[in-house]
PDB file of N, CA and C in Angstrom:
ATOM      1  N   UNK A   1     -95.349 -11.124  49.618  1.00  0.00           N
ATOM      2  CA  UNK A   1     -94.735 -10.859  48.270  1.00  0.00           C
ATOM      3  C   UNK A   1     -95.176  -9.388  47.880  1.00  0.00           C
ATOM      4  N   UNK A   2     -94.381  -8.688  47.316  1.00  0.00           N
ATOM      5  CA  UNK A   2     -94.529  -7.249  46.725  1.00  0.00           C
ATOM      6  C   UNK A   2     -95.458  -7.482  45.652  1.00  0.00           C
ATOM      7  N   UNK A   3     -96.569  -6.606  45.634  1.00  0.00           N
ATOM      8  CA  UNK A   3     -97.533  -6.698  44.438  1.00  0.00           C
ATOM      9  C   UNK A   3     -97.586  -5.352  43.645  1.00  0.00           C
ATOM     10  N   UNK A   4     -96.426  -4.780  43.603  1.00  0.00           N
ATOM     11  CA  UNK A   4     -96.339  -3.429  42.925  1.00  0.00           C
ATOM     12  C   UNK A   4     -95.552  -3.566  41.724  1.00  0.00           C
ATOM     13  N   UNK A   5     -95.673  -2.778  40.741  1.00  0.00           N
ATOM     14  CA  UNK A   5     -94.745  -2.605  39.432  1.00  0.00           C
ATOM     15  C   UNK A   5     -94.423  -1.158  39.452  1.00  0.00           C
ATOM     16  N   UNK A   6     -93.153  -0.889  39.162  1.00  0.00           N
ATOM     17  CA  UNK A   6     -92.634   0.517  38.885  1.00  0.00           C
ATOM     18  C   UNK A   6     -92.226   0.650  37.471  1.00  0.00           C
ATOM     19  N   UNK A   7     -92.755   1.527  36.715  1.00  0.00           N
ATOM     20  CA  UNK A   7     -92.397   1.707  35.370  1.00  0.00           C
ATOM     21  C   UNK A   7     -91.755   3.208  35.281  1.00  0.00           C
ATOM     22  N   UNK A   8     -90.599   3.062  34.724  1.00  0.00           N
ATOM     23  CA  UNK A   8     -89.784   4.420  34.354  1.00  0.00           C
ATOM     24  C   UNK A   8     -90.287   4.925  32.881  1.00  0.00           C
ATOM     25  N   UNK A   9     -90.792   5.994  32.702  1.00  0.00           N
ATOM     26  CA  UNK A   9     -91.326   6.564  31.355  1.00  0.00           C
ATOM     27  C   UNK A   9     -90.537   7.616  30.877  1.00  0.00           C
ATOM     28  N   UNK A  10     -90.520   7.740  29.587  1.00  0.00           N
ATOM     29  CA  UNK A  10     -89.772   8.876  28.957  1.00  0.00           C
ATOM     30  C   UNK A  10     -90.167  10.235  29.560  1.00  0.00           C
ATOM     31  N   UNK A  11     -89.403  11.239  29.516  1.00  0.00           N
ATOM     32  CA  UNK A  11     -89.690  12.523  30.049  1.00  0.00           C
ATOM     33  C   UNK A  11     -89.658  12.690  31.515  1.00  0.00           C
ATOM     34  N   UNK A  12     -88.787  11.809  32.083  1.00  0.00           N
ATOM     35  CA  UNK A  12     -88.476  12.029  33.635  1.00  0.00           C
ATOM     36  C   UNK A  12     -89.912  11.767  34.412  1.00  0.00           C
ATOM     37  N   UNK A  13     -90.540  10.638  34.045  1.00  0.00           N
ATOM     38  CA  UNK A  13     -91.788  10.254  34.697  1.00  0.00           C
ATOM     39  C   UNK A  13     -91.752   8.881  35.130  1.00  0.00           C
ATOM     40  N   UNK A  14     -92.392   8.518  36.274  1.00  0.00           N
ATOM     41  CA  UNK A  14     -92.432   7.185  36.523  1.00  0.00           C
ATOM     42  C   UNK A  14     -93.869   6.849  37.214  1.00  0.00           C
ATOM     43  N   UNK A  15     -94.357   5.649  37.156  1.00  0.00           N
ATOM     44  CA  UNK A  15     -95.588   5.164  37.677  1.00  0.00           C
ATOM     45  C   UNK A  15     -95.494   3.983  38.464  1.00  0.00           C
ATOM     46  N   UNK A  16     -96.063   3.902  39.679  1.00  0.00           N
ATOM     47  CA  UNK A  16     -96.048   2.876  40.637  1.00  0.00           C
ATOM     48  C   UNK A  16     -97.474   2.460  40.728  1.00  0.00           C
ATOM     49  N   UNK A  17     -97.816   1.283  40.628  1.00  0.00           N
ATOM     50  CA  UNK A  17     -99.150   0.675  40.788  1.00  0.00           C
ATOM     51  C   UNK A  17     -99.063  -0.743  41.250  1.00  0.00           C
ATOM     52  N   UNK A  18    -100.220  -1.209  41.782  1.00  0.00           N
ATOM     53  CA  UNK A  18    -100.306  -2.654  42.119  1.00  0.00           C
ATOM     54  C   UNK A  18    -100.669  -3.270  40.856  1.00  0.00           C
ATOM     55  N   UNK A  19    -100.050  -4.494  40.622  1.00  0.00           N
ATOM     56  CA  UNK A  19    -100.480  -5.307  39.525  1.00  0.00           C
ATOM     57  C   UNK A  19    -101.417  -6.448  39.970  1.00  0.00           C
ATOM     58  N   UNK A  20    -101.541  -6.613  41.356  1.00  0.00           N
ATOM     59  CA  UNK A  20    -102.485  -7.575  41.918  1.00  0.00           C
ATOM     60  C   UNK A  20    -102.900  -6.997  43.099  1.00  0.00           C
ATOM     61  N   UNK A  21    -104.259  -6.909  43.336  1.00  0.00           N
ATOM     62  CA  UNK A  21    -104.786  -6.305  44.558  1.00  0.00           C
ATOM     63  C   UNK A  21    -105.450  -7.290  45.452  1.00  0.00           C
ATOM     64  N   UNK A  22    -104.939  -7.650  46.575  1.00  0.00           N
ATOM     65  CA  UNK A  22    -105.544  -8.622  47.505  1.00  0.00           C
ATOM     66  C   UNK A  22    -106.584  -7.987  48.186  1.00  0.00           C
ATOM     67  N   UNK A  23    -107.944  -8.501  48.224  1.00  0.00           N
ATOM     68  CA  UNK A  23    -109.012  -7.771  48.782  1.00  0.00           C
ATOM     69  C   UNK A  23    -109.311  -8.328  50.224  1.00  0.00           C
ATOM     70  N   UNK A  24    -108.382  -9.091  50.731  1.00  0.00           N
ATOM     71  CA  UNK A  24    -108.515  -9.564  52.200  1.00  0.00           C
ATOM     72  C   UNK A  24    -108.268  -8.295  53.070  1.00  0.00           C
ATOM     73  N   UNK A  25    -109.338  -8.029  53.854  1.00  0.00           N
ATOM     74  CA  UNK A  25    -109.298  -6.770  54.726  1.00  0.00           C
ATOM     75  C   UNK A  25    -108.161  -6.799  55.639  1.00  0.00           C
ATOM     76  N   UNK A  26    -107.670  -7.859  55.979  1.00  0.00           N
ATOM     77  CA  UNK A  26    -106.310  -7.911  56.824  1.00  0.00           C
ATOM     78  C   UNK A  26    -105.128  -7.927  56.123  1.00  0.00           C
ATOM     79  N   UNK A  27    -105.053  -7.860  54.866  1.00  0.00           N
ATOM     80  CA  UNK A  27    -103.850  -7.658  54.074  1.00  0.00           C
ATOM     81  C   UNK A  27    -103.123  -6.384  54.507  1.00  0.00           C
ATOM     82  N   UNK A  28    -101.782  -6.472  54.644  1.00  0.00           N
ATOM     83  CA  UNK A  28    -100.949  -5.382  54.777  1.00  0.00           C
ATOM     84  C   UNK A  28    -101.586  -4.489  56.037  1.00  0.00           C
ATOM     85  N   UNK A  29    -101.901  -5.164  57.092  1.00  0.00           N
ATOM     86  CA  UNK A  29    -102.462  -4.423  58.158  1.00  0.00           C
ATOM     87  C   UNK A  29    -103.774  -3.742  57.961  1.00  0.00           C
ATOM     88  N   UNK A  30    -104.311  -3.910  56.816  1.00  0.00           N
ATOM     89  CA  UNK A  30    -105.572  -3.020  56.531  1.00  0.00           C
ATOM     90  C   UNK A  30    -105.298  -1.739  55.919  1.00  0.00           C
ATOM     91  N   UNK A  31    -104.017  -1.454  55.525  1.00  0.00           N
ATOM     92  CA  UNK A  31    -103.553  -0.131  55.109  1.00  0.00           C
ATOM     93  C   UNK A  31    -104.057   0.227  53.550  1.00  0.00           C
ATOM     94  N   UNK A  32    -104.421  -0.688  52.829  1.00  0.00           N
ATOM     95  CA  UNK A  32    -104.927  -0.437  51.550  1.00  0.00           C
ATOM     96  C   UNK A  32    -103.733  -0.531  50.461  1.00  0.00           C
ATOM     97  N   UNK A  33    -104.033   0.306  49.318  1.00  0.00           N
ATOM     98  CA  UNK A  33    -103.106   0.356  48.300  1.00  0.00           C
ATOM     99  C   UNK A  33    -102.925   1.632  47.778  1.00  0.00           C
ATOM    100  N   UNK A  34    -101.779   1.891  46.860  1.00  0.00           N
ATOM    101  CA  UNK A  34    -101.473   3.241  46.306  1.00  0.00           C
ATOM    102  C   UNK A  34    -101.129   3.124  44.944  1.00  0.00           C
ATOM    103  N   UNK A  35    -101.511   4.169  44.267  1.00  0.00           N
ATOM    104  CA  UNK A  35    -101.030   4.383  42.820  1.00  0.00           C
ATOM    105  C   UNK A  35    -100.359   5.681  42.859  1.00  0.00           C
ATOM    106  N   UNK A  36     -99.164   5.707  42.291  1.00  0.00           N
ATOM    107  CA  UNK A  36     -98.389   6.903  42.359  1.00  0.00           C
ATOM    108  C   UNK A  36     -97.838   7.209  40.846  1.00  0.00           C
ATOM    109  N   UNK A  37     -97.766   8.475  40.583  1.00  0.00           N
ATOM    110  CA  UNK A  37     -97.298   9.157  39.362  1.00  0.00           C
ATOM    111  C   UNK A  37     -96.457  10.189  39.764  1.00  0.00           C
ATOM    112  N   UNK A  38     -95.161  10.277  39.126  1.00  0.00           N
ATOM    113  CA  UNK A  38     -94.425  11.368  39.397  1.00  0.00           C
ATOM    114  C   UNK A  38     -93.751  11.812  38.174  1.00  0.00           C
ATOM    115  N   UNK A  39     -93.435  13.149  38.108  1.00  0.00           N
ATOM    116  CA  UNK A  39     -92.977  13.558  36.653  1.00  0.00           C
ATOM    117  C   UNK A  39     -92.264  15.001  37.164  1.00  0.00           C
ATOM    118  N   UNK A  40     -91.363  15.376  36.198  1.00  0.00           N
ATOM    119  CA  UNK A  40     -90.548  16.684  36.329  1.00  0.00           C
ATOM    120  C   UNK A  40     -90.852  17.461  35.052  1.00  0.00           C
ATOM    121  N   UNK A  41     -91.750  18.575  35.187  1.00  0.00           N
ATOM    122  CA  UNK A  41     -91.956  19.472  34.179  1.00  0.00           C
ATOM    123  C   UNK A  41     -91.032  20.572  33.946  1.00  0.00           C
ATOM    124  N   UNK A  42     -90.037  20.558  34.865  1.00  0.00           N
ATOM    125  CA  UNK A  42     -88.941  21.699  34.949  1.00  0.00           C
ATOM    126  C   UNK A  42     -88.168  21.484  36.178  1.00  0.00           C
ATOM    127  N   UNK A  43     -88.043  22.645  36.988  1.00  0.00           N
ATOM    128  CA  UNK A  43     -87.074  22.469  38.242  1.00  0.00           C
ATOM    129  C   UNK A  43     -87.800  21.745  39.378  1.00  0.00           C
ATOM    130  N   UNK A  44     -89.154  21.639  39.274  1.00  0.00           N
ATOM    131  CA  UNK A  44     -89.910  20.980  40.363  1.00  0.00           C
ATOM    132  C   UNK A  44     -90.288  19.640  39.944  1.00  0.00           C
ATOM    133  N   UNK A  45     -90.222  18.552  40.785  1.00  0.00           N
ATOM    134  CA  UNK A  45     -90.860  17.119  40.456  1.00  0.00           C
ATOM    135  C   UNK A  45     -92.014  17.081  41.243  1.00  0.00           C
ATOM    136  N   UNK A  46     -92.983  16.598  40.574  1.00  0.00           N
ATOM    137  CA  UNK A  46     -94.388  16.486  41.328  1.00  0.00           C
ATOM    138  C   UNK A  46     -94.703  14.984  41.391  1.00  0.00           C
ATOM    139  N   UNK A  47     -95.226  14.635  42.509  1.00  0.00           N
ATOM    140  CA  UNK A  47     -95.749  13.342  42.732  1.00  0.00           C
ATOM    141  C   UNK A  47     -97.149  13.375  43.285  1.00  0.00           C
ATOM    142  N   UNK A  48     -98.036  12.629  42.509  1.00  0.00           N
ATOM    143  CA  UNK A  48     -99.396  12.435  42.967  1.00  0.00           C
ATOM    144  C   UNK A  48     -99.749  11.087  43.384  1.00  0.00           C
ATOM    145  N   UNK A  49    -100.142  10.911  44.575  1.00  0.00           N
ATOM    146  CA  UNK A  49    -100.302   9.609  45.168  1.00  0.00           C
ATOM    147  C   UNK A  49    -101.954   9.449  45.360  1.00  0.00           C
ATOM    148  N   UNK A  50    -102.545   8.299  44.920  1.00  0.00           N
ATOM    149  CA  UNK A  50    -103.933   8.006  45.206  1.00  0.00           C
ATOM    150  C   UNK A  50    -104.009   6.771  46.065  1.00  0.00           C
ATOM    151  N   UNK A  51    -104.385   6.950  47.385  1.00  0.00           N
ATOM    152  CA  UNK A  51    -104.280   5.832  48.129  1.00  0.00           C
ATOM    153  C   UNK A  51    -105.840   5.328  48.417  1.00  0.00           C
ATOM    154  N   UNK A  52    -105.976   4.209  48.330  1.00  0.00           N
ATOM    155  CA  UNK A  52    -107.391   3.665  48.518  1.00  0.00           C
ATOM    156  C   UNK A  52    -107.289   2.584  49.676  1.00  0.00           C
ATOM    157  N   UNK A  53    -108.550   2.347  50.218  1.00  0.00           N
ATOM    158  CA  UNK A  53    -108.812   1.623  51.311  1.00  0.00           C
ATOM    159  C   UNK A  53    -108.604   0.125  50.954  1.00  0.00           C
ATOM    160  N   UNK A  54    -108.481  -0.779  51.899  1.00  0.00           N
ATOM    161  CA  UNK A  54    -108.338  -2.177  51.748  1.00  0.00           C
ATOM    162  C   UNK A  54    -109.551  -2.942  51.773  1.00  0.00           C
ATOM    163  N   UNK A  55    -109.620  -4.301  51.405  1.00  0.00           N
ATOM    164  CA  UNK A  55    -110.714  -5.170  51.777  1.00  0.00           C
ATOM    165  C   UNK A  55    -112.070  -4.790  50.989  1.00  0.00           C
ATOM    166  N   UNK A  56    -113.133  -4.789  51.718  1.00  0.00           N
ATOM    167  CA  UNK A  56    -114.365  -4.514  51.084  1.00  0.00           C
ATOM    168  C   UNK A  56    -114.511  -3.040  50.792  1.00  0.00           C
ATOM    169  N   UNK A  57    -113.703  -2.244  51.284  1.00  0.00           N
ATOM    170  CA  UNK A  57    -113.717  -0.801  51.126  1.00  0.00           C
ATOM    171  C   UNK A  57    -112.895  -0.361  49.970  1.00  0.00           C
ATOM    172  N   UNK A  58    -112.399  -1.411  49.184  1.00  0.00           N
ATOM    173  CA  UNK A  58    -111.392  -1.119  48.084  1.00  0.00           C
ATOM    174  C   UNK A  58    -111.772   0.150  47.224  1.00  0.00           C
ATOM    175  N   UNK A  59    -113.011   0.321  46.755  1.00  0.00           N
ATOM    176  CA  UNK A  59    -113.301   1.305  45.899  1.00  0.00           C
ATOM    177  C   UNK A  59    -113.419   2.819  46.678  1.00  0.00           C
ATOM    178  N   UNK A  60    -113.101   2.869  47.935  1.00  0.00           N
ATOM    179  CA  UNK A  60    -113.197   4.028  48.638  1.00  0.00           C
ATOM    180  C   UNK A  60    -111.798   4.820  48.485  1.00  0.00           C
ATOM    181  N   UNK A  61    -111.786   6.069  48.268  1.00  0.00           N
ATOM    182  CA  UNK A  61    -110.569   6.897  48.309  1.00  0.00           C
ATOM    183  C   UNK A  61    -110.128   7.006  49.751  1.00  0.00           C
ATOM    184  N   UNK A  62    -108.990   6.800  50.120  1.00  0.00           N
ATOM    185  CA  UNK A  62    -108.519   7.150  51.480  1.00  0.00           C
ATOM    186  C   UNK A  62    -107.790   8.594  51.444  1.00  0.00           C
ATOM    187  N   UNK A  63    -107.055   8.744  50.546  1.00  0.00           N
ATOM    188  CA  UNK A  63    -106.457  10.082  50.281  1.00  0.00           C
ATOM    189  C   UNK A  63    -105.895  10.374  48.893  1.00  0.00           C
ATOM    190  N   UNK A  64    -105.763  11.602  48.554  1.00  0.00           N
ATOM    191  CA  UNK A  64    -105.206  11.843  47.276  1.00  0.00           C
ATOM    192  C   UNK A  64    -104.239  13.019  47.629  1.00  0.00           C
ATOM    193  N   UNK A  65    -102.865  12.837  47.308  1.00  0.00           N
ATOM    194  CA  UNK A  65    -101.885  13.735  47.722  1.00  0.00           C
ATOM    195  C   UNK A  65    -100.984  14.135  46.722  1.00  0.00           C
ATOM    196  N   UNK A  66    -100.627  15.467  46.698  1.00  0.00           N
ATOM    197  CA  UNK A  66     -99.749  16.134  45.701  1.00  0.00           C
ATOM    198  C   UNK A  66     -98.501  16.494  46.317  1.00  0.00           C
ATOM    199  N   UNK A  67     -97.277  16.155  46.051  1.00  0.00           N
ATOM    200  CA  UNK A  67     -96.134  16.473  46.709  1.00  0.00           C
ATOM    201  C   UNK A  67     -95.207  17.138  45.681  1.00  0.00           C
ATOM    202  N   UNK A  68     -94.480  18.219  45.996  1.00  0.00           N
ATOM    203  CA  UNK A  68     -93.443  18.866  45.240  1.00  0.00           C
ATOM    204  C   UNK A  68     -92.004  18.803  45.853  1.00  0.00           C
ATOM    205  N   UNK A  69     -91.080  18.596  45.111  1.00  0.00           N
ATOM    206  CA  UNK A  69     -89.642  18.661  45.612  1.00  0.00           C
ATOM    207  C   UNK A  69     -88.852  19.229  44.429  1.00  0.00           C
ATOM    208  N   UNK A  70     -87.647  19.751  44.724  1.00  0.00           N
ATOM    209  CA  UNK A  70     -86.760  20.161  43.761  1.00  0.00           C
ATOM    210  C   UNK A  70     -86.318  18.865  42.848  1.00  0.00           C
ATOM    211  N   UNK A  71     -86.491  19.041  41.550  1.00  0.00           N
ATOM    212  CA  UNK A  71     -86.013  18.045  40.619  1.00  0.00           C
ATOM    213  C   UNK A  71     -84.706  17.248  41.046  1.00  0.00           C
ATOM    214  N   UNK A  72     -83.685  18.191  41.280  1.00  0.00           N
ATOM    215  CA  UNK A  72     -82.394  17.697  41.589  1.00  0.00           C
ATOM    216  C   UNK A  72     -82.226  16.751  42.717  1.00  0.00           C
ATOM    217  N   UNK A  73     -83.180  17.004  43.673  1.00  0.00           N
ATOM    218  CA  UNK A  73     -83.192  16.219  44.834  1.00  0.00           C
ATOM    219  C   UNK A  73     -84.333  14.982  44.802  1.00  0.00           C
ATOM    220  N   UNK A  74     -84.861  14.845  43.695  1.00  0.00           N
ATOM    221  CA  UNK A  74     -86.078  13.920  43.686  1.00  0.00           C
ATOM    222  C   UNK A  74     -85.621  12.560  43.720  1.00  0.00           C
ATOM    223  N   UNK A  75     -84.516  12.002  43.419  1.00  0.00           N
ATOM    224  CA  UNK A  75     -84.132  10.665  43.486  1.00  0.00           C
ATOM    225  C   UNK A  75     -84.097  10.137  45.005  1.00  0.00           C
ATOM    226  N   UNK A  76     -83.761  11.085  45.833  1.00  0.00           N
ATOM    227  CA  UNK A  76     -83.802  10.598  47.197  1.00  0.00           C
ATOM    228  C   UNK A  76     -85.100  10.361  47.861  1.00  0.00           C
ATOM    229  N   UNK A  77     -86.202  10.945  47.133  1.00  0.00           N
ATOM    230  CA  UNK A  77     -87.592  10.873  47.660  1.00  0.00           C
ATOM    231  C   UNK A  77     -88.272   9.783  46.871  1.00  0.00           C
ATOM    232  N   UNK A  78     -87.815   9.253  45.843  1.00  0.00           N
ATOM    233  CA  UNK A  78     -88.597   8.245  44.986  1.00  0.00           C
ATOM    234  C   UNK A  78     -88.738   6.886  45.747  1.00  0.00           C
ATOM    235  N   UNK A  79     -89.874   6.247  45.632  1.00  0.00           N
ATOM    236  CA  UNK A  79     -90.120   4.923  46.175  1.00  0.00           C
ATOM    237  C   UNK A  79     -89.107   4.005  45.786  1.00  0.00           C
ATOM    238  N   UNK A  80     -88.343   3.285  46.728  1.00  0.00           N
ATOM    239  CA  UNK A  80     -87.351   2.292  46.381  1.00  0.00           C
ATOM    240  C   UNK A  80     -87.663   0.946  47.112  1.00  0.00           C
ATOM    241  N   UNK A  81     -88.896   0.768  47.617  1.00  0.00           N
ATOM    242  CA  UNK A  81     -89.140  -0.328  48.447  1.00  0.00           C
ATOM    243  C   UNK A  81     -90.406  -1.065  47.856  1.00  0.00           C
ATOM    244  N   UNK A  82     -90.718  -0.910  46.503  1.00  0.00           N
ATOM    245  CA  UNK A  82     -91.825  -1.496  45.743  1.00  0.00           C
ATOM    246  C   UNK A  82     -93.161  -1.130  46.543  1.00  0.00           C
ATOM    247  N   UNK A  83     -93.278   0.125  47.094  1.00  0.00           N
ATOM    248  CA  UNK A  83     -94.475   0.541  47.533  1.00  0.00           C
ATOM    249  C   UNK A  83     -94.869   0.114  48.974  1.00  0.00           C
ATOM    250  N   UNK A  84     -93.876  -0.575  49.700  1.00  0.00           N
ATOM    251  CA  UNK A  84     -94.205  -1.125  51.105  1.00  0.00           C
ATOM    252  C   UNK A  84     -94.516   0.101  51.972  1.00  0.00           C
ATOM    253  N   UNK A  85     -93.813   1.101  51.966  1.00  0.00           N
ATOM    254  CA  UNK A  85     -93.977   2.186  52.809  1.00  0.00           C
ATOM    255  C   UNK A  85     -95.116   3.242  52.517  1.00  0.00           C
ATOM    256  N   UNK A  86     -95.564   3.204  51.205  1.00  0.00           N
ATOM    257  CA  UNK A  86     -96.575   3.997  50.871  1.00  0.00           C
ATOM    258  C   UNK A  86     -98.036   3.875  51.253  1.00  0.00           C
ATOM    259  N   UNK A  87     -98.255   2.622  51.826  1.00  0.00           N
ATOM    260  CA  UNK A  87     -99.682   2.237  52.275  1.00  0.00           C
ATOM    261  C   UNK A  87     -99.965   3.054  53.488  1.00  0.00           C
ATOM    262  N   UNK A  88     -99.106   3.627  54.144  1.00  0.00           N
ATOM    263  CA  UNK A  88     -99.434   4.248  55.445  1.00  0.00           C
ATOM    264  C   UNK A  88    -100.605   5.221  55.354  1.00  0.00           C
TER     265      UNK A  88
END
């Protein structure tokens, strides 16, 4: 089951986060979890992804990523699979 929630916020922003975190080290092939914030302060849309490890290493940061795309093309890059692909 998907364990993510996507909230669209005012000001062209959205947040994707897990509302339930399974600490089983084998869950989701051990790929962990992601929290994502994206917003458009102008012509550029920014997305910050905080990816964490799964299981007993849950508190460990796997990566912190910042992505920029043109705001007009941003919808094609938004997550539309409830975070399934973002665990990579």
